[in-house]
Amino acid sequence: MTTDPMHPQDRLLFAEALIAFAGDARDLTVRQQRAWELADQLLTDADIPKEALVMQVDEEWSGPLD
């Protein structure tokens, strides 16, 4: 059994940043399209529907507590 070292909120942070970079999904460069694909994969891996992303993000998240 493997343990995922990335906290779910970190995955959401990456997805959020990729989506912000990618911008409008109707007019994309190749890099922007890839950013959307990566964000989609991160959300799929976290079992979070794209529509629920904003509801899942914890705006106070700053990393795991040691």
Protein backbone atom coordinates (compact mmCIF):
# COMPACT_ATOMS: atom_id res chain seq x y z
CA MET A 1 0.00 0.00 0.00
CA THR A 2 1.35 3.43 -0.94
CA THR A 3 0.63 6.61 0.93
CA ASP A 4 0.02 9.79 -1.03
CA PRO A 5 2.28 12.44 0.54
CA MET A 6 0.23 15.29 -0.94
CA HIS A 7 -2.56 16.64 1.25
CA PRO A 8 -5.91 16.96 -0.57
CA GLN A 9 -5.87 20.73 -0.05
CA ASP A 10 -2.48 20.87 -1.77
CA ARG A 11 -3.99 19.07 -4.77
CA LEU A 12 -6.78 21.64 -4.83
CA LEU A 13 -4.25 24.46 -4.64
CA PHE A 14 -2.41 23.07 -7.67
CA ALA A 15 -5.66 22.59 -9.58
CA GLU A 16 -6.79 26.12 -8.71
CA ALA A 17 -3.46 27.59 -9.88
CA LEU A 18 -3.53 25.61 -13.13
CA ILE A 19 -7.08 26.75 -13.87
CA ALA A 20 -6.16 30.37 -13.14
CA PHE A 21 -3.21 30.06 -15.54
CA ALA A 22 -5.27 28.35 -18.23
CA GLY A 23 -7.98 30.99 -18.26
CA ASP A 24 -10.95 30.87 -20.61
CA ALA A 25 -11.46 27.30 -21.81
CA ARG A 26 -12.92 28.52 -25.12
CA ASP A 27 -9.68 30.00 -26.52
CA LEU A 28 -6.57 28.10 -25.44
CA THR A 29 -2.92 27.83 -26.35
CA VAL A 30 -1.35 24.38 -26.21
CA ARG A 31 0.11 25.12 -22.75
CA GLN A 32 -3.22 26.37 -21.45
CA GLN A 33 -4.93 23.22 -22.74
CA ARG A 34 -2.33 21.13 -20.92
CA ALA A 35 -2.96 23.12 -17.72
CA TRP A 36 -6.68 22.28 -17.98
CA GLU A 37 -5.84 18.59 -18.53
CA LEU A 38 -3.54 18.53 -15.48
CA ALA A 39 -6.11 20.31 -13.31
CA ASP A 40 -8.76 17.83 -14.45
CA GLN A 41 -6.49 14.91 -13.56
CA LEU A 42 -5.71 16.32 -10.12
CA LEU A 43 -9.41 16.71 -9.39
CA THR A 44 -10.18 13.24 -10.73
CA ASP A 45 -7.45 11.74 -8.54
CA ALA A 46 -8.92 13.56 -5.54
CA ASP A 47 -12.44 12.36 -6.52
CA ILE A 48 -13.72 15.94 -6.67
CA PRO A 49 -16.06 17.02 -9.48
CA LYS A 50 -14.85 20.15 -11.26
CA GLU A 51 -18.09 21.88 -10.35
CA ALA A 52 -17.34 21.34 -6.64
CA LEU A 53 -13.79 22.74 -6.68
CA VAL A 54 -14.67 26.13 -5.20
CA MET A 55 -16.68 24.50 -2.42
CA GLN A 56 -13.81 22.15 -1.48
CA VAL A 57 -11.02 24.74 -1.26
CA ASP A 58 -10.09 25.78 2.29
CA GLU A 59 -9.00 29.42 1.90
CA GLU A 60 -7.14 29.18 5.23
CA TRP A 61 -4.99 26.19 4.17
CA SER A 62 -1.27 26.92 4.52
CA GLY A 63 0.14 23.41 4.79
CA PRO A 64 -0.02 20.52 7.21
CA LEU A 65 0.66 21.16 10.85
CA ASP A 66 3.81 19.52 12.10
